[in-house]
Amino acid sequence: MHVAIPLYHRFTALDAVGPYTVLAYAPGWTVTFVAAEPGPVTDDRGSLVLTATASYDDLPRPDVVVVPGGPGTMDVLSDQALIEWIGQAHEHTRWTTSVCSGSLLLGAAGLLRGMRATSHWAILDLLRKFDAEPVSDRVVIEGKVVTAAGVSSGIDMALTLLARATDVETAQAVQLAIEYDPQPPFNAGSPKTAPEGTAERALSIIT
């Protein structure tokens, strides 16, 4: 199973690296970072660089696509090379997925029309622009399209995908291998549970 994760300027690192870690540990799976041209791509903090080792043309038919989000998403909604690659790759994938605002890129490629989909809570309603039905679930599966909510939910999405694509036992083994056993110190991971004023502070961090 060959997974392609497209990178673009100002992507959010965990959106890409979370699913990468889960799927790269899966037996028999290969994960490749792709971009318009091979080379370094800088994340949204400007301090972390991942290297795309292949171009879109080098990997036109991956088995799985994982589209990360990030502040740079809005800029690349008009990137025809990326949007066309997503749409054309989707014709051949077993699974097409996104994390966070990456779902907007699936929408721009025309893949979410009439579907339920999720994204980061701050931009969830933007999915309506692409004729999708926004839902606040952490992972949403519609046929072979899988969308995940904000940033850290990409790990949940990748484990869910792995269980569907292989079996539950494999996904559980990978979960244990990476010791993914969330026990957050605060109940502030959702706007529904976060203390008053936290949402505004969170938005100031990511915008």
N, C-alpha and C. Protein backbone atom coordinates (compact mmCIF):
# COMPACT_ATOMS: atom_id res chain seq x y z
N MET A 1 0.85 -1.19 0.00
CA MET A 1 0.00 0.00 0.00
C MET A 1 0.88 1.23 0.00
N HIS A 2 0.70 2.09 -1.00
CA HIS A 2 1.54 3.28 -1.13
C HIS A 2 0.71 4.51 -0.80
N VAL A 3 1.17 5.28 0.19
CA VAL A 3 0.49 6.47 0.66
C VAL A 3 1.24 7.71 0.18
N ALA A 4 0.52 8.69 -0.34
CA ALA A 4 1.12 9.96 -0.74
C ALA A 4 0.56 11.06 0.14
N ILE A 5 1.46 11.87 0.71
CA ILE A 5 1.06 13.02 1.52
C ILE A 5 1.60 14.28 0.84
N PRO A 6 0.73 15.10 0.24
CA PRO A 6 1.20 16.31 -0.42
C PRO A 6 1.56 17.39 0.59
N LEU A 7 2.68 18.05 0.34
CA LEU A 7 3.13 19.14 1.20
C LEU A 7 3.04 20.46 0.44
N TYR A 8 2.77 21.52 1.17
CA TYR A 8 2.73 22.85 0.59
C TYR A 8 3.14 23.85 1.67
N HIS A 9 3.57 25.02 1.26
CA HIS A 9 4.08 26.02 2.20
C HIS A 9 3.05 26.33 3.29
N ARG A 10 3.49 26.31 4.54
CA ARG A 10 2.69 26.60 5.72
C ARG A 10 1.65 25.52 6.01
N PHE A 11 2.00 24.26 5.75
CA PHE A 11 1.19 23.15 6.24
C PHE A 11 1.44 23.01 7.74
N THR A 12 0.52 22.35 8.45
CA THR A 12 0.72 22.09 9.88
C THR A 12 1.41 20.74 10.04
N ALA A 13 2.52 20.74 10.76
CA ALA A 13 3.39 19.57 10.82
C ALA A 13 2.66 18.31 11.29
N LEU A 14 1.91 18.40 12.39
CA LEU A 14 1.28 17.20 12.93
C LEU A 14 0.21 16.64 12.00
N ASP A 15 -0.41 17.51 11.20
CA ASP A 15 -1.38 17.02 10.21
C ASP A 15 -0.76 15.98 9.29
N ALA A 16 0.51 16.21 8.94
CA ALA A 16 1.21 15.30 8.04
C ALA A 16 1.94 14.20 8.80
N VAL A 17 2.63 14.58 9.88
CA VAL A 17 3.51 13.65 10.57
C VAL A 17 2.73 12.64 11.41
N GLY A 18 1.57 13.04 11.95
CA GLY A 18 0.76 12.09 12.71
C GLY A 18 0.34 10.90 11.87
N PRO A 19 -0.37 11.13 10.76
CA PRO A 19 -0.72 10.00 9.89
C PRO A 19 0.50 9.29 9.31
N TYR A 20 1.53 10.07 8.98
CA TYR A 20 2.76 9.45 8.47
C TYR A 20 3.28 8.40 9.44
N THR A 21 3.38 8.75 10.72
CA THR A 21 3.94 7.83 11.70
C THR A 21 3.10 6.56 11.81
N VAL A 22 1.79 6.73 11.88
CA VAL A 22 0.90 5.56 11.98
C VAL A 22 1.06 4.66 10.76
N LEU A 23 0.95 5.23 9.58
CA LEU A 23 0.91 4.41 8.37
C LEU A 23 2.29 3.90 7.97
N ALA A 24 3.36 4.64 8.30
CA ALA A 24 4.70 4.17 7.99
C ALA A 24 5.09 2.97 8.85
N TYR A 25 4.47 2.84 10.02
CA TYR A 25 4.71 1.69 10.88
C TYR A 25 3.92 0.45 10.44
N ALA A 26 2.92 0.64 9.60
CA ALA A 26 2.08 -0.49 9.18
C ALA A 26 2.88 -1.42 8.27
N PRO A 27 2.89 -2.71 8.57
CA PRO A 27 3.65 -3.66 7.74
C PRO A 27 3.21 -3.61 6.27
N GLY A 28 4.19 -3.46 5.38
CA GLY A 28 3.90 -3.46 3.96
C GLY A 28 3.45 -2.14 3.39
N TRP A 29 3.39 -1.10 4.22
CA TRP A 29 2.96 0.21 3.75
C TRP A 29 4.17 1.11 3.52
N THR A 30 4.09 1.93 2.48
CA THR A 30 5.13 2.92 2.18
C THR A 30 4.48 4.29 2.12
N VAL A 31 5.12 5.28 2.72
CA VAL A 31 4.58 6.64 2.71
C VAL A 31 5.58 7.57 2.04
N THR A 32 5.10 8.36 1.09
CA THR A 32 5.94 9.31 0.37
C THR A 32 5.37 10.70 0.48
N PHE A 33 6.22 11.66 0.84
CA PHE A 33 5.83 13.07 0.80
C PHE A 33 6.04 13.58 -0.62
N VAL A 34 5.01 14.23 -1.17
CA VAL A 34 5.08 14.74 -2.53
C VAL A 34 4.82 16.25 -2.53
N ALA A 35 5.25 16.90 -3.59
CA ALA A 35 5.00 18.33 -3.78
C ALA A 35 5.09 18.62 -5.28
N ALA A 36 4.86 19.85 -5.65
CA ALA A 36 4.95 20.20 -7.06
C ALA A 36 6.31 19.82 -7.62
N GLU A 37 7.35 20.04 -6.82
CA GLU A 37 8.71 19.63 -7.15
C GLU A 37 9.35 19.05 -5.90
N PRO A 38 10.18 18.01 -6.03
CA PRO A 38 10.88 17.48 -4.86
C PRO A 38 11.72 18.56 -4.19
N GLY A 39 11.80 18.47 -2.87
CA GLY A 39 12.62 19.43 -2.15
C GLY A 39 12.01 19.78 -0.81
N PRO A 40 12.63 20.70 -0.08
CA PRO A 40 12.17 21.06 1.26
C PRO A 40 10.91 21.91 1.22
N VAL A 41 10.02 21.67 2.20
CA VAL A 41 8.79 22.45 2.35
C VAL A 41 8.69 22.85 3.81
N THR A 42 8.44 24.12 4.06
CA THR A 42 8.44 24.66 5.41
C THR A 42 7.03 24.68 6.01
N ASP A 43 6.94 24.35 7.29
CA ASP A 43 5.64 24.26 7.96
C ASP A 43 5.13 25.65 8.36
N ASP A 44 3.99 25.66 9.06
CA ASP A 44 3.33 26.93 9.39
C ASP A 44 4.03 27.72 10.48
N ARG A 45 4.93 27.11 11.22
CA ARG A 45 5.69 27.84 12.24
C ARG A 45 6.98 28.41 11.66
N GLY A 46 7.33 28.00 10.48
CA GLY A 46 8.53 28.50 9.83
C GLY A 46 9.81 27.93 10.38
N SER A 47 9.70 26.89 11.21
CA SER A 47 10.90 26.35 11.86
C SER A 47 11.11 24.86 11.64
N LEU A 48 10.21 24.23 10.92
CA LEU A 48 10.33 22.81 10.63
C LEU A 48 10.20 22.60 9.13
N VAL A 49 11.09 21.79 8.58
CA VAL A 49 11.08 21.53 7.14
C VAL A 49 10.98 20.03 6.90
N LEU A 50 10.04 19.63 6.08
CA LEU A 50 9.97 18.25 5.60
C LEU A 50 10.37 18.24 4.14
N THR A 51 10.94 17.14 3.71
CA THR A 51 11.40 17.04 2.33
C THR A 51 10.46 16.18 1.50
N ALA A 52 9.93 16.76 0.45
CA ALA A 52 9.17 15.98 -0.53
C ALA A 52 10.17 15.25 -1.41
N THR A 53 10.06 13.94 -1.45
CA THR A 53 11.02 13.15 -2.22
C THR A 53 10.51 12.81 -3.61
N ALA A 54 9.28 13.24 -3.92
CA ALA A 54 8.70 12.97 -5.24
C ALA A 54 7.81 14.14 -5.64
N SER A 55 7.61 14.29 -6.93
CA SER A 55 6.68 15.29 -7.44
C SER A 55 5.31 14.66 -7.65
N TYR A 56 4.32 15.50 -7.92
CA TYR A 56 2.99 14.97 -8.24
C TYR A 56 3.07 14.03 -9.44
N ASP A 57 3.84 14.41 -10.44
CA ASP A 57 3.96 13.59 -11.64
C ASP A 57 4.62 12.25 -11.36
N ASP A 58 5.50 12.22 -10.35
CA ASP A 58 6.19 10.97 -10.01
C ASP A 58 5.25 9.95 -9.39
N LEU A 59 4.18 10.41 -8.77
CA LEU A 59 3.29 9.51 -8.05
C LEU A 59 1.83 9.86 -8.37
N PRO A 60 1.39 9.56 -9.58
CA PRO A 60 0.05 9.97 -9.99
C PRO A 60 -1.06 9.05 -9.48
N ARG A 61 -0.71 7.82 -9.08
CA ARG A 61 -1.74 6.86 -8.69
C ARG A 61 -1.42 6.18 -7.36
N PRO A 62 -1.34 6.93 -6.27
CA PRO A 62 -1.11 6.29 -4.97
C PRO A 62 -2.35 5.51 -4.54
N ASP A 63 -2.15 4.56 -3.66
CA ASP A 63 -3.29 3.81 -3.11
C ASP A 63 -4.08 4.65 -2.12
N VAL A 64 -3.36 5.50 -1.40
CA VAL A 64 -3.97 6.35 -0.37
C VAL A 64 -3.40 7.75 -0.50
N VAL A 65 -4.27 8.74 -0.36
CA VAL A 65 -3.84 10.14 -0.30
C VAL A 65 -4.24 10.69 1.07
N VAL A 66 -3.30 11.37 1.73
CA VAL A 66 -3.59 12.05 3.00
C VAL A 66 -3.24 13.53 2.80
N VAL A 67 -4.25 14.38 2.77
CA VAL A 67 -4.03 15.81 2.54
C VAL A 67 -4.02 16.54 3.88
N PRO A 68 -2.88 17.08 4.28
CA PRO A 68 -2.82 17.83 5.54
C PRO A 68 -3.40 19.22 5.39
N GLY A 69 -3.69 19.86 6.52
CA GLY A 69 -4.16 21.23 6.51
C GLY A 69 -3.10 22.17 7.06
N GLY A 70 -3.55 23.36 7.39
CA GLY A 70 -2.65 24.38 7.92
C GLY A 70 -3.04 25.75 7.41
N PRO A 71 -2.45 26.80 7.95
CA PRO A 71 -2.77 28.15 7.49
C PRO A 71 -2.54 28.35 5.99
N GLY A 72 -1.61 27.58 5.42
CA GLY A 72 -1.34 27.70 4.00
C GLY A 72 -2.42 27.15 3.10
N THR A 73 -3.39 26.46 3.69
CA THR A 73 -4.46 25.87 2.89
C THR A 73 -5.17 26.92 2.04
N MET A 74 -5.47 28.06 2.64
CA MET A 74 -6.23 29.09 1.90
C MET A 74 -5.47 29.56 0.68
N ASP A 75 -4.15 29.59 0.77
CA ASP A 75 -3.34 30.04 -0.36
C ASP A 75 -3.34 29.02 -1.50
N VAL A 76 -3.38 27.74 -1.15
CA VAL A 76 -3.27 26.72 -2.20
C VAL A 76 -4.62 26.23 -2.71
N LEU A 77 -5.71 26.82 -2.22
CA LEU A 77 -7.01 26.49 -2.81
C LEU A 77 -7.06 26.84 -4.29
N SER A 78 -6.21 27.77 -4.69
CA SER A 78 -6.14 28.16 -6.11
C SER A 78 -4.94 27.56 -6.82
N ASP A 79 -4.26 26.61 -6.19
CA ASP A 79 -3.10 25.94 -6.78
C ASP A 79 -3.62 24.81 -7.67
N GLN A 80 -3.73 25.09 -8.96
CA GLN A 80 -4.33 24.12 -9.86
C GLN A 80 -3.55 22.81 -9.94
N ALA A 81 -2.23 22.88 -9.84
CA ALA A 81 -1.43 21.65 -9.92
C ALA A 81 -1.79 20.71 -8.77
N LEU A 82 -1.90 21.27 -7.57
CA LEU A 82 -2.25 20.45 -6.40
C LEU A 82 -3.68 19.95 -6.48
N ILE A 83 -4.61 20.85 -6.79
CA ILE A 83 -6.03 20.46 -6.83
C ILE A 83 -6.27 19.40 -7.91
N GLU A 84 -5.66 19.58 -9.06
CA GLU A 84 -5.83 18.60 -10.13
C GLU A 84 -5.20 17.27 -9.76
N TRP A 85 -4.04 17.30 -9.09
CA TRP A 85 -3.42 16.04 -8.67
C TRP A 85 -4.32 15.29 -7.70
N ILE A 86 -4.90 16.01 -6.74
CA ILE A 86 -5.81 15.36 -5.78
C ILE A 86 -6.97 14.71 -6.52
N GLY A 87 -7.59 15.47 -7.43
CA GLY A 87 -8.74 14.94 -8.15
C GLY A 87 -8.41 13.75 -9.02
N GLN A 88 -7.28 13.82 -9.71
CA GLN A 88 -6.90 12.72 -10.59
C GLN A 88 -6.43 11.50 -9.80
N ALA A 89 -5.70 11.74 -8.70
CA ALA A 89 -5.28 10.62 -7.87
C ALA A 89 -6.48 9.91 -7.28
N HIS A 90 -7.50 10.68 -6.89
CA HIS A 90 -8.71 10.12 -6.27
C HIS A 90 -9.40 9.10 -7.18
N GLU A 91 -9.26 9.27 -8.48
CA GLU A 91 -9.89 8.33 -9.40
C GLU A 91 -9.33 6.92 -9.25
N HIS A 92 -8.14 6.80 -8.68
CA HIS A 92 -7.48 5.50 -8.59
C HIS A 92 -7.21 5.04 -7.16
N THR A 93 -7.45 5.90 -6.17
CA THR A 93 -7.12 5.54 -4.79
C THR A 93 -8.09 4.50 -4.23
N ARG A 94 -7.59 3.81 -3.22
CA ARG A 94 -8.50 3.02 -2.38
C ARG A 94 -9.11 3.90 -1.31
N TRP A 95 -8.32 4.89 -0.86
CA TRP A 95 -8.80 5.83 0.16
C TRP A 95 -8.24 7.21 -0.14
N THR A 96 -9.08 8.22 -0.01
CA THR A 96 -8.65 9.61 -0.13
C THR A 96 -9.03 10.30 1.17
N THR A 97 -8.05 10.88 1.85
CA THR A 97 -8.29 11.37 3.20
C THR A 97 -7.73 12.77 3.40
N SER A 98 -8.16 13.38 4.49
CA SER A 98 -7.65 14.71 4.83
C SER A 98 -7.60 14.87 6.34
N VAL A 99 -6.80 15.83 6.76
CA VAL A 99 -6.72 16.21 8.17
C VAL A 99 -6.93 17.70 8.26
N CYS A 100 -7.74 18.14 9.21
CA CYS A 100 -7.93 19.56 9.48
C CYS A 100 -8.43 20.26 8.20
N SER A 101 -7.87 21.41 7.88
CA SER A 101 -8.35 22.18 6.72
C SER A 101 -8.00 21.54 5.39
N GLY A 102 -7.28 20.42 5.43
CA GLY A 102 -7.05 19.67 4.19
C GLY A 102 -8.34 19.26 3.52
N SER A 103 -9.43 19.16 4.30
CA SER A 103 -10.72 18.81 3.69
C SER A 103 -11.20 19.88 2.72
N LEU A 104 -10.78 21.13 2.93
CA LEU A 104 -11.14 22.17 1.97
C LEU A 104 -10.51 21.91 0.61
N LEU A 105 -9.33 21.33 0.61
CA LEU A 105 -8.67 20.99 -0.65
C LEU A 105 -9.38 19.82 -1.34
N LEU A 106 -9.89 18.87 -0.55
CA LEU A 106 -10.72 17.82 -1.15
C LEU A 106 -11.97 18.45 -1.75
N GLY A 107 -12.54 19.41 -1.03
CA GLY A 107 -13.71 20.10 -1.56
C GLY A 107 -13.41 20.85 -2.84
N ALA A 108 -12.28 21.53 -2.89
CA ALA A 108 -11.90 22.27 -4.09
C ALA A 108 -11.69 21.35 -5.28
N ALA A 109 -11.32 20.11 -5.00
CA ALA A 109 -11.14 19.12 -6.06
C ALA A 109 -12.47 18.47 -6.46
N GLY A 110 -13.55 18.90 -5.81
CA GLY A 110 -14.88 18.39 -6.16
C GLY A 110 -15.22 17.04 -5.57
N LEU A 111 -14.55 16.67 -4.48
CA LEU A 111 -14.72 15.32 -3.94
C LEU A 111 -15.74 15.21 -2.81
N LEU A 112 -16.27 16.35 -2.34
CA LEU A 112 -17.13 16.32 -1.16
C LEU A 112 -18.58 16.69 -1.44
N ARG A 113 -18.95 16.84 -2.68
CA ARG A 113 -20.32 17.27 -3.00
C ARG A 113 -21.35 16.27 -2.46
N GLY A 114 -22.26 16.80 -1.65
CA GLY A 114 -23.32 15.97 -1.09
C GLY A 114 -22.87 15.04 0.02
N MET A 115 -21.65 15.18 0.48
CA MET A 115 -21.11 14.29 1.52
C MET A 115 -21.02 14.98 2.86
N ARG A 116 -21.07 14.20 3.91
CA ARG A 116 -20.71 14.66 5.24
C ARG A 116 -19.19 14.76 5.32
N ALA A 117 -18.69 15.78 5.98
CA ALA A 117 -17.24 15.93 6.10
C ALA A 117 -16.95 16.76 7.34
N THR A 118 -15.71 16.67 7.81
CA THR A 118 -15.31 17.44 8.97
C THR A 118 -14.01 18.18 8.70
N SER A 119 -13.65 19.06 9.64
CA SER A 119 -12.45 19.85 9.53
C SER A 119 -12.18 20.46 10.90
N HIS A 120 -11.20 21.34 10.99
CA HIS A 120 -10.95 22.06 12.23
C HIS A 120 -12.19 22.86 12.61
N TRP A 121 -12.51 22.91 13.90
CA TRP A 121 -13.74 23.57 14.36
C TRP A 121 -13.84 25.02 13.90
N ALA A 122 -12.70 25.70 13.75
CA ALA A 122 -12.74 27.12 13.42
C ALA A 122 -13.18 27.39 11.98
N ILE A 123 -13.07 26.39 11.11
CA ILE A 123 -13.40 26.62 9.70
C ILE A 123 -14.43 25.62 9.19
N LEU A 124 -15.06 24.92 10.10
CA LEU A 124 -15.96 23.83 9.72
C LEU A 124 -17.02 24.28 8.71
N ASP A 125 -17.61 25.45 8.94
CA ASP A 125 -18.70 25.90 8.07
C ASP A 125 -18.24 26.22 6.65
N LEU A 126 -16.93 26.40 6.44
CA LEU A 126 -16.44 26.68 5.09
C LEU A 126 -16.66 25.50 4.15
N LEU A 127 -16.88 24.32 4.72
CA LEU A 127 -17.13 23.15 3.88
C LEU A 127 -18.40 23.31 3.06
N ARG A 128 -19.32 24.15 3.53
CA ARG A 128 -20.56 24.36 2.78
C ARG A 128 -20.29 24.98 1.41
N LYS A 129 -19.20 25.71 1.29
CA LYS A 129 -18.85 26.32 0.00
C LYS A 129 -18.60 25.27 -1.07
N PHE A 130 -18.32 24.04 -0.62
CA PHE A 130 -18.03 22.96 -1.56
C PHE A 130 -19.15 21.92 -1.58
N ASP A 131 -20.35 22.37 -1.16
CA ASP A 131 -21.56 21.54 -1.18
C ASP A 131 -21.43 20.31 -0.29
N ALA A 132 -20.63 20.44 0.78
CA ALA A 132 -20.51 19.36 1.76
C ALA A 132 -21.36 19.69 2.98
N GLU A 133 -21.68 18.67 3.75
CA GLU A 133 -22.43 18.86 4.99
C GLU A 133 -21.45 18.80 6.17
N PRO A 134 -21.17 19.92 6.82
CA PRO A 134 -20.19 19.92 7.91
C PRO A 134 -20.73 19.18 9.13
N VAL A 135 -19.91 18.32 9.70
CA VAL A 135 -20.24 17.64 10.95
C VAL A 135 -19.04 17.74 11.87
N SER A 136 -19.30 17.76 13.17
CA SER A 136 -18.22 17.98 14.13
C SER A 136 -17.61 16.70 14.67
N ASP A 137 -17.87 15.57 14.01
CA ASP A 137 -17.25 14.31 14.43
C ASP A 137 -15.74 14.37 14.23
N ARG A 138 -15.02 13.57 14.99
CA ARG A 138 -13.56 13.58 14.90
C ARG A 138 -13.07 12.93 13.60
N VAL A 139 -13.74 11.87 13.18
CA VAL A 139 -13.42 11.21 11.92
C VAL A 139 -14.73 10.91 11.19
N VAL A 140 -14.80 11.25 9.92
CA VAL A 140 -16.00 11.02 9.12
C VAL A 140 -15.63 10.18 7.91
N ILE A 141 -16.36 9.07 7.71
CA ILE A 141 -16.10 8.18 6.58
C ILE A 141 -17.29 8.23 5.64
N GLU A 142 -17.04 8.57 4.39
CA GLU A 142 -18.06 8.59 3.35
C GLU A 142 -17.50 7.82 2.15
N GLY A 143 -17.87 6.55 2.04
CA GLY A 143 -17.29 5.73 0.98
C GLY A 143 -15.80 5.62 1.18
N LYS A 144 -15.03 5.99 0.17
CA LYS A 144 -13.57 5.91 0.30
C LYS A 144 -12.94 7.25 0.70
N VAL A 145 -13.80 8.22 1.02
CA VAL A 145 -13.31 9.52 1.47
C VAL A 145 -13.40 9.59 2.99
N VAL A 146 -12.28 9.91 3.62
CA VAL A 146 -12.21 9.99 5.08
C VAL A 146 -11.67 11.36 5.45
N THR A 147 -12.43 12.11 6.24
CA THR A 147 -11.96 13.41 6.71
C THR A 147 -11.81 13.38 8.22
N ALA A 148 -10.81 14.11 8.70
CA ALA A 148 -10.55 14.20 10.13
C ALA A 148 -10.67 15.64 10.58
N ALA A 149 -10.97 15.85 11.83
CA ALA A 149 -11.10 17.19 12.40
C ALA A 149 -9.71 17.82 12.55
N GLY A 150 -9.51 18.65 13.56
CA GLY A 150 -8.27 19.40 13.65
C GLY A 150 -7.04 18.60 14.06
N VAL A 151 -5.94 18.91 13.45
CA VAL A 151 -4.56 18.55 13.75
C VAL A 151 -4.38 17.15 14.37
N SER A 152 -4.55 17.03 15.69
CA SER A 152 -4.25 15.76 16.36
C SER A 152 -5.17 14.63 15.93
N SER A 153 -6.34 14.96 15.38
CA SER A 153 -7.28 13.92 14.96
C SER A 153 -6.75 13.11 13.78
N GLY A 154 -5.69 13.59 13.14
CA GLY A 154 -5.10 12.83 12.04
C GLY A 154 -4.58 11.48 12.50
N ILE A 155 -4.14 11.39 13.75
CA ILE A 155 -3.69 10.09 14.28
C ILE A 155 -4.87 9.15 14.40
N ASP A 156 -6.00 9.64 14.91
CA ASP A 156 -7.20 8.82 15.01
C ASP A 156 -7.66 8.37 13.62
N MET A 157 -7.61 9.31 12.67
CA MET A 157 -8.03 8.98 11.31
C MET A 157 -7.16 7.88 10.72
N ALA A 158 -5.84 8.00 10.91
CA ALA A 158 -4.93 7.02 10.32
C ALA A 158 -5.13 5.63 10.94
N LEU A 159 -5.37 5.58 12.24
CA LEU A 159 -5.63 4.29 12.87
C LEU A 159 -6.96 3.70 12.40
N THR A 160 -7.97 4.57 12.25
CA THR A 160 -9.26 4.11 11.73
C THR A 160 -9.10 3.57 10.32
N LEU A 161 -8.37 4.30 9.49
CA LEU A 161 -8.11 3.89 8.11
C LEU A 161 -7.36 2.57 8.07
N LEU A 162 -6.34 2.44 8.91
CA LEU A 162 -5.54 1.22 8.93
C LEU A 162 -6.38 0.01 9.29
N ALA A 163 -7.28 0.17 10.25
CA ALA A 163 -8.17 -0.93 10.63
C ALA A 163 -9.08 -1.33 9.48
N ARG A 164 -9.57 -0.34 8.75
CA ARG A 164 -10.45 -0.63 7.61
C ARG A 164 -9.69 -1.27 6.46
N ALA A 165 -8.48 -0.80 6.21
CA ALA A 165 -7.71 -1.26 5.06
C ALA A 165 -7.04 -2.60 5.31
N THR A 166 -6.74 -2.91 6.57
CA THR A 166 -6.10 -4.18 6.90
C THR A 166 -6.99 -4.94 7.87
N ASP A 167 -6.76 -4.76 9.15
CA ASP A 167 -7.61 -5.37 10.17
C ASP A 167 -7.39 -4.64 11.49
N VAL A 168 -8.30 -4.86 12.41
CA VAL A 168 -8.25 -4.18 13.71
C VAL A 168 -6.97 -4.54 14.46
N GLU A 169 -6.57 -5.81 14.36
CA GLU A 169 -5.38 -6.25 15.10
C GLU A 169 -4.13 -5.49 14.67
N THR A 170 -3.99 -5.24 13.37
CA THR A 170 -2.84 -4.48 12.88
C THR A 170 -2.88 -3.06 13.41
N ALA A 171 -4.05 -2.43 13.35
CA ALA A 171 -4.18 -1.07 13.85
C ALA A 171 -3.88 -0.99 15.34
N GLN A 172 -4.35 -1.99 16.07
CA GLN A 172 -4.08 -2.00 17.51
C GLN A 172 -2.60 -2.17 17.80
N ALA A 173 -1.94 -2.99 17.01
CA ALA A 173 -0.50 -3.21 17.20
C ALA A 173 0.28 -1.93 16.93
N VAL A 174 -0.11 -1.20 15.88
CA VAL A 174 0.55 0.06 15.59
C VAL A 174 0.26 1.08 16.69
N GLN A 175 -0.97 1.13 17.16
CA GLN A 175 -1.31 2.05 18.25
C GLN A 175 -0.44 1.80 19.48
N LEU A 176 -0.24 0.55 19.79
CA LEU A 176 0.61 0.21 20.94
C LEU A 176 2.07 0.49 20.65
N ALA A 177 2.50 0.24 19.41
CA ALA A 177 3.90 0.49 19.04
C ALA A 177 4.27 1.96 19.23
N ILE A 178 3.33 2.85 18.91
CA ILE A 178 3.60 4.28 19.07
C ILE A 178 3.10 4.79 20.42
N GLU A 179 2.60 3.89 21.25
CA GLU A 179 2.06 4.21 22.58
C GLU A 179 1.11 5.39 22.53
N TYR A 180 0.14 5.27 21.64
CA TYR A 180 -0.88 6.31 21.53
C TYR A 180 -1.97 6.02 22.55
N ASP A 181 -1.86 6.65 23.69
CA ASP A 181 -2.75 6.41 24.82
C ASP A 181 -3.12 7.77 25.43
N PRO A 182 -3.92 8.56 24.72
CA PRO A 182 -4.14 9.95 25.12
C PRO A 182 -4.74 10.09 26.53
N GLN A 183 -4.08 10.91 27.31
CA GLN A 183 -4.59 11.26 28.64
C GLN A 183 -4.28 12.74 28.86
N PRO A 184 -4.97 13.63 28.13
CA PRO A 184 -4.64 15.05 28.20
C PRO A 184 -4.85 15.62 29.60
N PRO A 185 -4.02 16.59 29.96
CA PRO A 185 -4.12 17.16 31.30
C PRO A 185 -5.32 18.08 31.49
N PHE A 186 -5.94 18.50 30.37
CA PHE A 186 -7.07 19.42 30.45
C PHE A 186 -8.20 18.95 29.54
N ASN A 187 -9.41 19.28 29.91
CA ASN A 187 -10.56 18.97 29.07
C ASN A 187 -10.88 20.19 28.21
N ALA A 188 -9.88 20.59 27.42
CA ALA A 188 -10.01 21.81 26.62
C ALA A 188 -9.76 21.55 25.14
N GLY A 189 -9.91 20.30 24.72
CA GLY A 189 -9.61 19.95 23.33
C GLY A 189 -10.75 20.16 22.36
N SER A 190 -11.87 20.68 22.84
CA SER A 190 -13.02 20.96 21.98
C SER A 190 -13.62 22.28 22.42
N PRO A 191 -14.16 23.07 21.48
CA PRO A 191 -14.83 24.31 21.88
C PRO A 191 -16.04 24.05 22.76
N LYS A 192 -16.54 22.82 22.75
CA LYS A 192 -17.69 22.49 23.59
C LYS A 192 -17.31 22.33 25.05
N THR A 193 -16.05 22.00 25.32
CA THR A 193 -15.62 21.74 26.69
C THR A 193 -14.60 22.74 27.22
N ALA A 194 -13.99 23.51 26.33
CA ALA A 194 -12.96 24.45 26.75
C ALA A 194 -13.55 25.58 27.59
N PRO A 195 -12.80 26.09 28.55
CA PRO A 195 -13.29 27.21 29.37
C PRO A 195 -13.59 28.45 28.53
N GLU A 196 -14.43 29.30 29.04
CA GLU A 196 -14.79 30.54 28.36
C GLU A 196 -13.54 31.35 28.04
N GLY A 197 -13.48 31.85 26.83
CA GLY A 197 -12.36 32.66 26.40
C GLY A 197 -11.24 31.88 25.75
N THR A 198 -11.26 30.56 25.90
CA THR A 198 -10.18 29.74 25.35
C THR A 198 -10.21 29.72 23.82
N ALA A 199 -11.41 29.70 23.25
CA ALA A 199 -11.52 29.65 21.79
C ALA A 199 -10.87 30.88 21.16
N GLU A 200 -11.10 32.04 21.75
CA GLU A 200 -10.51 33.26 21.21
C GLU A 200 -8.98 33.21 21.28
N ARG A 201 -8.46 32.71 22.40
CA ARG A 201 -7.01 32.61 22.55
C ARG A 201 -6.45 31.61 21.55
N ALA A 202 -7.17 30.51 21.34
CA ALA A 202 -6.72 29.50 20.39
C ALA A 202 -6.68 30.08 18.98
N LEU A 203 -7.70 30.84 18.60
CA LEU A 203 -7.74 31.43 17.27
C LEU A 203 -6.59 32.41 17.06
N SER A 204 -6.21 33.12 18.11
CA SER A 204 -5.11 34.06 17.99
C SER A 204 -3.78 33.35 17.76
N ILE A 205 -3.71 32.10 18.17
CA ILE A 205 -2.49 31.31 17.98
C ILE A 205 -2.36 30.82 16.54
N ILE A 206 -3.48 30.44 15.95
CA ILE A 206 -3.42 29.76 14.65
C ILE A 206 -3.69 30.69 13.48
N THR A 207 -4.00 31.95 13.72
CA THR A 207 -4.29 32.85 12.61
C THR A 207 -3.22 33.93 12.50
